[in-house]
PDB file of N, CA and C in Angstrom:
ATOM      1  N   MET A   1     -15.312 -11.220  10.950  1.00  0.00           N
ATOM      2  CA  MET A   1     -13.991 -11.061  10.385  1.00  0.00           C
ATOM      3  C   MET A   1     -14.132 -10.399   9.020  1.00  0.00           C
ATOM      4  N   TYR A   2     -13.196  -9.522   8.707  1.00  0.00           N
ATOM      5  CA  TYR A   2     -13.223  -8.831   7.432  1.00  0.00           C
ATOM      6  C   TYR A   2     -11.822  -8.844   6.824  1.00  0.00           C
ATOM      7  N   ALA A   3     -11.762  -8.525   5.542  1.00  0.00           N
ATOM      8  CA  ALA A   3     -10.480  -8.462   4.843  1.00  0.00           C
ATOM      9  C   ALA A   3     -10.572  -7.386   3.765  1.00  0.00           C
ATOM     10  N   ILE A   4      -9.425  -6.854   3.419  1.00  0.00           N
ATOM     11  CA  ILE A   4      -9.334  -5.944   2.287  1.00  0.00           C
ATOM     12  C   ILE A   4      -8.502  -6.647   1.234  1.00  0.00           C
ATOM     13  N   ILE A   5      -9.113  -6.847   0.058  1.00  0.00           N
ATOM     14  CA  ILE A   5      -8.449  -7.568  -1.022  1.00  0.00           C
ATOM     15  C   ILE A   5      -8.242  -6.626  -2.200  1.00  0.00           C
ATOM     16  N   GLU A   6      -7.324  -7.018  -3.066  1.00  0.00           N
ATOM     17  CA  GLU A   6      -7.087  -6.281  -4.299  1.00  0.00           C
ATOM     18  C   GLU A   6      -7.446  -7.199  -5.459  1.00  0.00           C
ATOM     19  N   ASP A   7      -8.277  -6.686  -6.372  1.00  0.00           N
ATOM     20  CA  ASP A   7      -8.674  -7.468  -7.541  1.00  0.00           C
ATOM     21  C   ASP A   7      -8.808  -6.521  -8.723  1.00  0.00           C
ATOM     22  N   SER A   8      -8.059  -6.771  -9.765  1.00  0.00           N
ATOM     23  CA  SER A   8      -8.108  -5.983 -11.000  1.00  0.00           C
ATOM     24  C   SER A   8      -7.851  -4.504 -10.745  1.00  0.00           C
ATOM     25  N   GLY A   9      -6.933  -4.194  -9.843  1.00  0.00           N
ATOM     26  CA  GLY A   9      -6.575  -2.817  -9.586  1.00  0.00           C
ATOM     27  C   GLY A   9      -7.494  -2.074  -8.629  1.00  0.00           C
ATOM     28  N   THR A  10      -8.482  -2.747  -8.047  1.00  0.00           N
ATOM     29  CA  THR A  10      -9.377  -2.109  -7.089  1.00  0.00           C
ATOM     30  C   THR A  10      -9.248  -2.799  -5.744  1.00  0.00           C
ATOM     31  N   GLN A  11      -9.429  -2.040  -4.676  1.00  0.00           N
ATOM     32  CA  GLN A  11      -9.393  -2.592  -3.331  1.00  0.00           C
ATOM     33  C   GLN A  11     -10.813  -2.699  -2.811  1.00  0.00           C
ATOM     34  N   LEU A  12     -11.149  -3.864  -2.251  1.00  0.00           N
ATOM     35  CA  LEU A  12     -12.500  -4.132  -1.779  1.00  0.00           C
ATOM     36  C   LEU A  12     -12.453  -4.603  -0.335  1.00  0.00           C
ATOM     37  N   ARG A  13     -13.353  -4.091   0.498  1.00  0.00           N
ATOM     38  CA  ARG A  13     -13.498  -4.566   1.879  1.00  0.00           C
ATOM     39  C   ARG A  13     -14.597  -5.620   1.852  1.00  0.00           C
ATOM     40  N   VAL A  14     -14.261  -6.840   2.270  1.00  0.00           N
ATOM     41  CA  VAL A  14     -15.206  -7.955   2.184  1.00  0.00           C
ATOM     42  C   VAL A  14     -15.384  -8.596   3.551  1.00  0.00           C
ATOM     43  N   GLU A  15     -16.558  -9.164   3.773  1.00  0.00           N
ATOM     44  CA  GLU A  15     -16.878  -9.946   4.960  1.00  0.00           C
ATOM     45  C   GLU A  15     -17.505 -11.253   4.509  1.00  0.00           C
ATOM     46  N   GLU A  16     -17.517 -12.239   5.389  1.00  0.00           N
ATOM     47  CA  GLU A  16     -18.120 -13.525   5.044  1.00  0.00           C
ATOM     48  C   GLU A  16     -19.611 -13.351   4.826  1.00  0.00           C
ATOM     49  N   GLY A  17     -20.114 -13.980   3.762  1.00  0.00           N
ATOM     50  CA  GLY A  17     -21.523 -13.901   3.429  1.00  0.00           C
ATOM     51  C   GLY A  17     -21.890 -12.709   2.558  1.00  0.00           C
ATOM     52  N   GLN A  18     -20.957 -11.814   2.310  1.00  0.00           N
ATOM     53  CA  GLN A  18     -21.225 -10.622   1.518  1.00  0.00           C
ATOM     54  C   GLN A  18     -21.247 -10.963   0.033  1.00  0.00           C
ATOM     55  N   THR A  19     -22.156 -10.335  -0.707  1.00  0.00           N
ATOM     56  CA  THR A  19     -22.227 -10.489  -2.154  1.00  0.00           C
ATOM     57  C   THR A  19     -21.664  -9.229  -2.788  1.00  0.00           C
ATOM     58  N   LEU A  20     -20.772  -9.403  -3.761  1.00  0.00           N
ATOM     59  CA  LEU A  20     -20.170  -8.242  -4.401  1.00  0.00           C
ATOM     60  C   LEU A  20     -19.977  -8.497  -5.873  1.00  0.00           C
ATOM     61  N   GLN A  21     -19.751  -7.407  -6.612  1.00  0.00           N
ATOM     62  CA  GLN A  21     -19.538  -7.494  -8.048  1.00  0.00           C
ATOM     63  C   GLN A  21     -18.082  -7.183  -8.351  1.00  0.00           C
ATOM     64  N   ILE A  22     -17.439  -8.081  -9.108  1.00  0.00           N
ATOM     65  CA  ILE A  22     -16.057  -7.892  -9.514  1.00  0.00           C
ATOM     66  C   ILE A  22     -16.019  -7.841 -11.037  1.00  0.00           C
ATOM     67  N   ASP A  23     -14.865  -7.522 -11.593  1.00  0.00           N
ATOM     68  CA  ASP A  23     -14.735  -7.455 -13.040  1.00  0.00           C
ATOM     69  C   ASP A  23     -15.049  -8.809 -13.659  1.00  0.00           C
ATOM     70  N   SER A  24     -15.629  -8.764 -14.829  1.00  0.00           N
ATOM     71  CA  SER A  24     -16.075  -9.973 -15.512  1.00  0.00           C
ATOM     72  C   SER A  24     -14.887 -10.861 -15.885  1.00  0.00           C
ATOM     73  N   ARG A  25     -15.073 -12.165 -15.732  1.00  0.00           N
ATOM     74  CA  ARG A  25     -14.087 -13.164 -16.137  1.00  0.00           C
ATOM     75  C   ARG A  25     -14.809 -14.468 -16.401  1.00  0.00           C
ATOM     76  N   ASP A  26     -14.131 -15.411 -16.991  1.00  0.00           N
ATOM     77  CA  ASP A  26     -14.751 -16.695 -17.306  1.00  0.00           C
ATOM     78  C   ASP A  26     -14.828 -17.551 -16.060  1.00  0.00           C
ATOM     79  N   ALA A  27     -16.033 -17.790 -15.577  1.00  0.00           N
ATOM     80  CA  ALA A  27     -16.255 -18.654 -14.422  1.00  0.00           C
ATOM     81  C   ALA A  27     -17.690 -19.153 -14.467  1.00  0.00           C
ATOM     82  N   GLU A  28     -17.859 -20.406 -14.161  1.00  0.00           N
ATOM     83  CA  GLU A  28     -19.189 -21.010 -14.147  1.00  0.00           C
ATOM     84  C   GLU A  28     -19.880 -20.727 -12.820  1.00  0.00           C
ATOM     85  N   PRO A  29     -21.198 -20.541 -12.825  1.00  0.00           N
ATOM     86  CA  PRO A  29     -21.916 -20.399 -11.547  1.00  0.00           C
ATOM     87  C   PRO A  29     -21.723 -21.634 -10.676  1.00  0.00           C
ATOM     88  N   GLY A  30     -21.427 -21.420  -9.409  1.00  0.00           N
ATOM     89  CA  GLY A  30     -21.159 -22.510  -8.479  1.00  0.00           C
ATOM     90  C   GLY A  30     -19.682 -22.797  -8.296  1.00  0.00           C
ATOM     91  N   ALA A  31     -18.830 -22.247  -9.160  1.00  0.00           N
ATOM     92  CA  ALA A  31     -17.385 -22.458  -9.031  1.00  0.00           C
ATOM     93  C   ALA A  31     -16.833 -21.577  -7.914  1.00  0.00           C
ATOM     94  N   ASN A  32     -15.653 -21.925  -7.431  1.00  0.00           N
ATOM     95  CA  ASN A  32     -15.001 -21.148  -6.380  1.00  0.00           C
ATOM     96  C   ASN A  32     -13.860 -20.335  -6.960  1.00  0.00           C
ATOM     97  N   ILE A  33     -13.712 -19.106  -6.450  1.00  0.00           N
ATOM     98  CA  ILE A  33     -12.611 -18.227  -6.825  1.00  0.00           C
ATOM     99  C   ILE A  33     -11.828 -17.914  -5.553  1.00  0.00           C
ATOM    100  N   THR A  34     -10.508 -17.976  -5.630  1.00  0.00           N
ATOM    101  CA  THR A  34      -9.659 -17.668  -4.481  1.00  0.00           C
ATOM    102  C   THR A  34      -8.895 -16.384  -4.759  1.00  0.00           C
ATOM    103  N   PHE A  35      -9.029 -15.430  -3.859  1.00  0.00           N
ATOM    104  CA  PHE A  35      -8.278 -14.177  -3.934  1.00  0.00           C
ATOM    105  C   PHE A  35      -7.091 -14.298  -2.987  1.00  0.00           C
ATOM    106  N   ASP A  36      -5.882 -14.247  -3.543  1.00  0.00           N
ATOM    107  CA  ASP A  36      -4.696 -14.392  -2.699  1.00  0.00           C
ATOM    108  C   ASP A  36      -3.990 -13.060  -2.456  1.00  0.00           C
ATOM    109  N   ARG A  37      -4.446 -11.992  -3.084  1.00  0.00           N
ATOM    110  CA  ARG A  37      -3.871 -10.668  -2.851  1.00  0.00           C
ATOM    111  C   ARG A  37      -4.659  -9.986  -1.733  1.00  0.00           C
ATOM    112  N   VAL A  38      -4.373 -10.389  -0.493  1.00  0.00           N
ATOM    113  CA  VAL A  38      -5.054  -9.868   0.693  1.00  0.00           C
ATOM    114  C   VAL A  38      -4.149  -8.822   1.333  1.00  0.00           C
ATOM    115  N   LEU A  39      -4.658  -7.596   1.462  1.00  0.00           N
ATOM    116  CA  LEU A  39      -3.867  -6.497   1.996  1.00  0.00           C
ATOM    117  C   LEU A  39      -3.988  -6.364   3.505  1.00  0.00           C
ATOM    118  N   MET A  40      -5.161  -6.756   4.058  1.00  0.00           N
ATOM    119  CA  MET A  40      -5.385  -6.624   5.498  1.00  0.00           C
ATOM    120  C   MET A  40      -6.450  -7.613   5.930  1.00  0.00           C
ATOM    121  N   VAL A  41      -6.265  -8.197   7.123  1.00  0.00           N
ATOM    122  CA  VAL A  41      -7.243  -9.100   7.728  1.00  0.00           C
ATOM    123  C   VAL A  41      -7.463  -8.624   9.152  1.00  0.00           C
ATOM    124  N   GLY A  42      -8.731  -8.577   9.572  1.00  0.00           N
ATOM    125  CA  GLY A  42      -8.985  -8.104  10.924  1.00  0.00           C
ATOM    126  C   GLY A  42     -10.307  -8.589  11.474  1.00  0.00           C
ATOM    127  N   ASP A  43     -10.428  -8.499  12.801  1.00  0.00           N
ATOM    128  CA  ASP A  43     -11.688  -8.750  13.501  1.00  0.00           C
ATOM    129  C   ASP A  43     -11.787  -7.717  14.611  1.00  0.00           C
ATOM    130  N   GLU A  44     -12.601  -7.981  15.644  1.00  0.00           N
ATOM    131  CA  GLU A  44     -12.810  -6.989  16.693  1.00  0.00           C
ATOM    132  C   GLU A  44     -11.541  -6.703  17.500  1.00  0.00           C
ATOM    133  N   GLN A  45     -10.697  -7.716  17.730  1.00  0.00           N
ATOM    134  CA  GLN A  45      -9.521  -7.538  18.571  1.00  0.00           C
ATOM    135  C   GLN A  45      -8.234  -7.338  17.767  1.00  0.00           C
ATOM    136  N   ASN A  46      -8.019  -8.129  16.748  1.00  0.00           N
ATOM    137  CA  ASN A  46      -6.736  -8.155  16.052  1.00  0.00           C
ATOM    138  C   ASN A  46      -6.868  -7.635  14.626  1.00  0.00           C
ATOM    139  N   VAL A  47      -5.824  -6.951  14.182  1.00  0.00           N
ATOM    140  CA  VAL A  47      -5.735  -6.496  12.796  1.00  0.00           C
ATOM    141  C   VAL A  47      -4.339  -6.829  12.293  1.00  0.00           C
ATOM    142  N   ARG A  48      -4.266  -7.501  11.130  1.00  0.00           N
ATOM    143  CA  ARG A  48      -2.971  -7.797  10.508  1.00  0.00           C
ATOM    144  C   ARG A  48      -2.895  -7.050   9.190  1.00  0.00           C
ATOM    145  N   VAL A  49      -1.875  -6.228   9.054  1.00  0.00           N
ATOM    146  CA  VAL A  49      -1.670  -5.442   7.848  1.00  0.00           C
ATOM    147  C   VAL A  49      -0.461  -6.004   7.126  1.00  0.00           C
ATOM    148  N   GLY A  50      -0.585  -6.214   5.823  1.00  0.00           N
ATOM    149  CA  GLY A  50       0.507  -6.763   5.037  1.00  0.00           C
ATOM    150  C   GLY A  50       1.463  -5.691   4.559  1.00  0.00           C
ATOM    151  N   LYS A  51       2.646  -6.160   4.126  1.00  0.00           N
ATOM    152  CA  LYS A  51       3.660  -5.243   3.606  1.00  0.00           C
ATOM    153  C   LYS A  51       4.167  -5.756   2.263  1.00  0.00           C
ATOM    154  N   PRO A  52       3.482  -5.703   1.194  1.00  0.00           N
ATOM    155  CA  PRO A  52       2.145  -5.181   0.981  1.00  0.00           C
ATOM    156  C   PRO A  52       1.039  -6.222   1.166  1.00  0.00           C
ATOM    157  N   LEU A  53       1.386  -7.528   1.204  1.00  0.00           N
ATOM    158  CA  LEU A  53       0.362  -8.566   1.325  1.00  0.00           C
ATOM    159  C   LEU A  53       0.519  -9.314   2.641  1.00  0.00           C
ATOM    160  N   VAL A  54      -0.590  -9.835   3.161  1.00  0.00           N
ATOM    161  CA  VAL A  54      -0.571 -10.660   4.368  1.00  0.00           C
ATOM    162  C   VAL A  54      -0.170 -12.071   3.957  1.00  0.00           C
ATOM    163  N   ASP A  55       0.868 -12.614   4.593  1.00  0.00           N
ATOM    164  CA  ASP A  55       1.361 -13.939   4.243  1.00  0.00           C
ATOM    165  C   ASP A  55       0.341 -15.011   4.624  1.00  0.00           C
ATOM    166  N   GLY A  56       0.015 -15.886   3.663  1.00  0.00           N
ATOM    167  CA  GLY A  56      -0.853 -17.017   3.918  1.00  0.00           C
ATOM    168  C   GLY A  56      -2.334 -16.705   3.991  1.00  0.00           C
ATOM    169  N   ALA A  57      -2.728 -15.478   3.792  1.00  0.00           N
ATOM    170  CA  ALA A  57      -4.145 -15.122   3.875  1.00  0.00           C
ATOM    171  C   ALA A  57      -4.802 -15.274   2.504  1.00  0.00           C
ATOM    172  N   THR A  58      -5.992 -15.858   2.505  1.00  0.00           N
ATOM    173  CA  THR A  58      -6.763 -16.028   1.280  1.00  0.00           C
ATOM    174  C   THR A  58      -8.232 -15.731   1.567  1.00  0.00           C
ATOM    175  N   VAL A  59      -8.936 -15.351   0.524  1.00  0.00           N
ATOM    176  CA  VAL A  59     -10.381 -15.149   0.592  1.00  0.00           C
ATOM    177  C   VAL A  59     -10.995 -16.014  -0.494  1.00  0.00           C
ATOM    178  N   THR A  60     -11.952 -16.853  -0.110  1.00  0.00           N
ATOM    179  CA  THR A  60     -12.613 -17.745  -1.043  1.00  0.00           C
ATOM    180  C   THR A  60     -14.032 -17.251  -1.285  1.00  0.00           C
ATOM    181  N   ALA A  61     -14.433 -17.255  -2.563  1.00  0.00           N
ATOM    182  CA  ALA A  61     -15.772 -16.788  -2.925  1.00  0.00           C
ATOM    183  C   ALA A  61     -16.396 -17.763  -3.908  1.00  0.00           C
ATOM    184  N   GLU A  62     -17.718 -17.876  -3.846  1.00  0.00           N
ATOM    185  CA  GLU A  62     -18.479 -18.736  -4.759  1.00  0.00           C
ATOM    186  C   GLU A  62     -19.117 -17.859  -5.822  1.00  0.00           C
ATOM    187  N   VAL A  63     -19.039 -18.289  -7.071  1.00  0.00           N
ATOM    188  CA  VAL A  63     -19.593 -17.525  -8.187  1.00  0.00           C
ATOM    189  C   VAL A  63     -21.101 -17.692  -8.205  1.00  0.00           C
ATOM    190  N   VAL A  64     -21.822 -16.553  -8.177  1.00  0.00           N
ATOM    191  CA  VAL A  64     -23.279 -16.574  -8.276  1.00  0.00           C
ATOM    192  C   VAL A  64     -23.689 -16.531  -9.740  1.00  0.00           C
ATOM    193  N   GLY A  65     -23.069 -15.662 -10.521  1.00  0.00           N
ATOM    194  CA  GLY A  65     -23.360 -15.583 -11.942  1.00  0.00           C
ATOM    195  C   GLY A  65     -22.992 -14.226 -12.504  1.00  0.00           C
ATOM    196  N   PRO A  66     -23.126 -14.069 -13.822  1.00  0.00           N
ATOM    197  CA  PRO A  66     -22.824 -12.776 -14.434  1.00  0.00           C
ATOM    198  C   PRO A  66     -23.938 -11.770 -14.171  1.00  0.00           C
ATOM    199  N   SER A  67     -23.584 -10.499 -14.194  1.00  0.00           N
ATOM    200  CA  SER A  67     -24.571  -9.430 -14.043  1.00  0.00           C
ATOM    201  C   SER A  67     -24.084  -8.225 -14.823  1.00  0.00           C
ATOM    202  N   LYS A  68     -24.944  -7.234 -14.916  1.00  0.00           N
ATOM    203  CA  LYS A  68     -24.600  -6.021 -15.653  1.00  0.00           C
ATOM    204  C   LYS A  68     -24.815  -4.814 -14.778  1.00  0.00           C
ATOM    205  N   GLY A  69     -23.992  -3.805 -14.998  1.00  0.00           N
ATOM    206  CA  GLY A  69     -24.103  -2.558 -14.265  1.00  0.00           C
ATOM    207  C   GLY A  69     -25.174  -1.661 -14.880  1.00  0.00           C
ATOM    208  N   PRO A  70     -25.276  -0.426 -14.383  1.00  0.00           N
ATOM    209  CA  PRO A  70     -26.288   0.486 -14.922  1.00  0.00           C
ATOM    210  C   PRO A  70     -25.933   0.951 -16.331  1.00  0.00           C
ATOM    211  N   LYS A  71     -26.955   1.333 -17.079  1.00  0.00           N
ATOM    212  CA  LYS A  71     -26.758   1.836 -18.432  1.00  0.00           C
ATOM    213  C   LYS A  71     -26.205   3.260 -18.373  1.00  0.00           C
ATOM    214  N   LEU A  72     -25.120   3.496 -19.076  1.00  0.00           N
ATOM    215  CA  LEU A  72     -24.534   4.823 -19.180  1.00  0.00           C
ATOM    216  C   LEU A  72     -24.773   5.334 -20.585  1.00  0.00           C
ATOM    217  N   GLU A  73     -25.264   6.551 -20.701  1.00  0.00           N
ATOM    218  CA  GLU A  73     -25.521   7.128 -22.011  1.00  0.00           C
ATOM    219  C   GLU A  73     -24.669   8.375 -22.195  1.00  0.00           C
ATOM    220  N   VAL A  74     -24.014   8.461 -23.344  1.00  0.00           N
ATOM    221  CA  VAL A  74     -23.182   9.603 -23.684  1.00  0.00           C
ATOM    222  C   VAL A  74     -23.785  10.243 -24.924  1.00  0.00           C
ATOM    223  N   VAL A  75     -24.121  11.525 -24.825  1.00  0.00           N
ATOM    224  CA  VAL A  75     -24.695  12.259 -25.943  1.00  0.00           C
ATOM    225  C   VAL A  75     -23.813  13.468 -26.207  1.00  0.00           C
ATOM    226  N   LYS A  76     -23.372  13.609 -27.458  1.00  0.00           N
ATOM    227  CA  LYS A  76     -22.604  14.778 -27.861  1.00  0.00           C
ATOM    228  C   LYS A  76     -23.435  15.557 -28.878  1.00  0.00           C
ATOM    229  N   VAL A  77     -23.626  16.830 -28.612  1.00  0.00           N
ATOM    230  CA  VAL A  77     -24.369  17.694 -29.517  1.00  0.00           C
ATOM    231  C   VAL A  77     -23.497  18.895 -29.821  1.00  0.00           C
ATOM    232  N   ARG A  78     -23.268  19.128 -31.086  1.00  0.00           N
ATOM    233  CA  ARG A  78     -22.500  20.304 -31.505  1.00  0.00           C
ATOM    234  C   ARG A  78     -23.483  21.353 -31.998  1.00  0.00           C
ATOM    235  N   ARG A  79     -23.498  22.482 -31.361  1.00  0.00           N
ATOM    236  CA  ARG A  79     -24.498  23.488 -31.673  1.00  0.00           C
ATOM    237  C   ARG A  79     -24.313  24.040 -33.087  1.00  0.00           C
ATOM    238  N   ARG A  80     -25.401  24.268 -33.726  1.00  0.00           N
ATOM    239  CA  ARG A  80     -25.510  24.862 -35.061  1.00  0.00           C
ATOM    240  C   ARG A  80     -24.869  24.015 -36.152  1.00  0.00           C
ATOM    241  N   LYS A  81     -24.488  22.810 -35.897  1.00  0.00           N
ATOM    242  CA  LYS A  81     -23.817  21.978 -36.902  1.00  0.00           C
ATOM    243  C   LYS A  81     -24.678  20.803 -37.353  1.00  0.00           C
ATOM    244  N   ASN A  82     -25.816  20.596 -36.696  1.00  0.00           N
ATOM    245  CA  ASN A  82     -26.687  19.453 -36.972  1.00  0.00           C
ATOM    246  C   ASN A  82     -25.896  18.147 -36.834  1.00  0.00           C
ATOM    247  N   SER A  83     -25.058  18.084 -35.808  1.00  0.00           N
ATOM    248  CA  SER A  83     -24.235  16.909 -35.558  1.00  0.00           C
ATOM    249  C   SER A  83     -24.535  16.386 -34.154  1.00  0.00           C
ATOM    250  N   ARG A  84     -25.018  15.178 -34.100  1.00  0.00           N
ATOM    251  CA  ARG A  84     -25.347  14.559 -32.815  1.00  0.00           C
ATOM    252  C   ARG A  84     -24.843  13.115 -32.820  1.00  0.00           C
ATOM    253  N   THR A  85     -24.269  12.697 -31.696  1.00  0.00           N
ATOM    254  CA  THR A  85     -23.898  11.290 -31.531  1.00  0.00           C
ATOM    255  C   THR A  85     -24.470  10.798 -30.214  1.00  0.00           C
ATOM    256  N   HIS A  86     -24.930   9.585 -30.227  1.00  0.00           N
ATOM    257  CA  HIS A  86     -25.503   8.967 -29.033  1.00  0.00           C
ATOM    258  C   HIS A  86     -24.862   7.601 -28.875  1.00  0.00           C
ATOM    259  N   ARG A  87     -24.310   7.341 -27.690  1.00  0.00           N
ATOM    260  CA  ARG A  87     -23.640   6.080 -27.450  1.00  0.00           C
ATOM    261  C   ARG A  87     -24.034   5.582 -26.069  1.00  0.00           C
ATOM    262  N   GLY A  88     -24.266   4.300 -25.948  1.00  0.00           N
ATOM    263  CA  GLY A  88     -24.587   3.694 -24.661  1.00  0.00           C
ATOM    264  C   GLY A  88     -23.562   2.639 -24.289  1.00  0.00           C
ATOM    265  N   HIS A  89     -23.427   2.394 -22.984  1.00  0.00           N
ATOM    266  CA  HIS A  89     -22.490   1.377 -22.495  1.00  0.00           C
ATOM    267  C   HIS A  89     -23.072   0.743 -21.244  1.00  0.00           C
ATOM    268  N   ARG A  90     -22.917  -0.555 -21.122  1.00  0.00           N
ATOM    269  CA  ARG A  90     -23.351  -1.275 -19.940  1.00  0.00           C
ATOM    270  C   ARG A  90     -22.268  -2.277 -19.582  1.00  0.00           C
ATOM    271  N   GLN A  91     -21.602  -2.029 -18.447  1.00  0.00           N
ATOM    272  CA  GLN A  91     -20.453  -2.823 -18.027  1.00  0.00           C
ATOM    273  C   GLN A  91     -20.894  -4.195 -17.523  1.00  0.00           C
ATOM    274  N   GLY A  92     -20.157  -5.223 -17.897  1.00  0.00           N
ATOM    275  CA  GLY A  92     -20.424  -6.571 -17.410  1.00  0.00           C
ATOM    276  C   GLY A  92     -19.644  -6.867 -16.148  1.00  0.00           C
ATOM    277  N   TYR A  93     -20.283  -7.511 -15.187  1.00  0.00           N
ATOM    278  CA  TYR A  93     -19.659  -7.861 -13.915  1.00  0.00           C
ATOM    279  C   TYR A  93     -19.880  -9.343 -13.632  1.00  0.00           C
ATOM    280  N   LEU A  94     -19.161  -9.839 -12.635  1.00  0.00           N
ATOM    281  CA  LEU A  94     -19.352 -11.187 -12.131  1.00  0.00           C
ATOM    282  C   LEU A  94     -19.739 -11.058 -10.666  1.00  0.00           C
ATOM    283  N   THR A  95     -20.892 -11.595 -10.303  1.00  0.00           N
ATOM    284  CA  THR A  95     -21.365 -11.526  -8.930  1.00  0.00           C
ATOM    285  C   THR A  95     -20.849 -12.736  -8.163  1.00  0.00           C
ATOM    286  N   VAL A  96     -20.205 -12.480  -7.014  1.00  0.00           N
ATOM    287  CA  VAL A  96     -19.660 -13.547  -6.173  1.00  0.00           C
ATOM    288  C   VAL A  96     -20.115 -13.344  -4.734  1.00  0.00           C
ATOM    289  N   ARG A  97     -20.163 -14.451  -3.991  1.00  0.00           N
ATOM    290  CA  ARG A  97     -20.509 -14.424  -2.564  1.00  0.00           C
ATOM    291  C   ARG A  97     -19.321 -14.955  -1.782  1.00  0.00           C
ATOM    292  N   VAL A  98     -18.837 -14.159  -0.835  1.00  0.00           N
ATOM    293  CA  VAL A  98     -17.653 -14.537  -0.050  1.00  0.00           C
ATOM    294  C   VAL A  98     -18.060 -15.646   0.927  1.00  0.00           C
ATOM    295  N   THR A  99     -17.333 -16.764   0.878  1.00  0.00           N
ATOM    296  CA  THR A  99     -17.659 -17.911   1.722  1.00  0.00           C
ATOM    297  C   THR A  99     -16.700 -18.072   2.892  1.00  0.00           C
ATOM    298  N   ALA A 100     -15.423 -17.722   2.709  1.00  0.00           N
ATOM    299  CA  ALA A 100     -14.460 -17.934   3.800  1.00  0.00           C
ATOM    300  C   ALA A 100     -13.311 -16.943   3.697  1.00  0.00           C
ATOM    301  N   ILE A 101     -12.842 -16.502   4.857  1.00  0.00           N
ATOM    302  CA  ILE A 101     -11.654 -15.684   4.957  1.00  0.00           C
ATOM    303  C   ILE A 101     -10.661 -16.463   5.810  1.00  0.00           C
ATOM    304  N   GLY A 102      -9.539 -16.849   5.209  1.00  0.00           N
ATOM    305  CA  GLY A 102      -8.572 -17.671   5.919  1.00  0.00           C
ATOM    306  C   GLY A 102      -7.261 -16.960   6.116  1.00  0.00           C
ATOM    307  N   GLY A 103      -6.602 -17.309   7.197  1.00  0.00           N
ATOM    308  CA  GLY A 103      -5.270 -16.765   7.441  1.00  0.00           C
ATOM    309  C   GLY A 103      -5.346 -15.660   8.409  1.00  0.00           C
TER     310      GLY A 103
END
């Protein structure tokens, strides 16, 4: 069984047992998070599409812990001006494991 959920403006296709990274938020490892904005639920035979949400459908996930994305480096060099800037960024994520898809 799979579902398409919306979280923080992004749509994610999830299945039971799948590990995924979502936007960072305050949650302790081992806690449960419930996603109630489910756009579609389906399996091999049946597919239910919401208008815009599926009524009564929820996805439950267990928090694994915080993680970080890849390092992004931005370098600006202005020719002949001896002007250089270097900036790095590393996005924080929350890793969760989907435990149940209901509804």
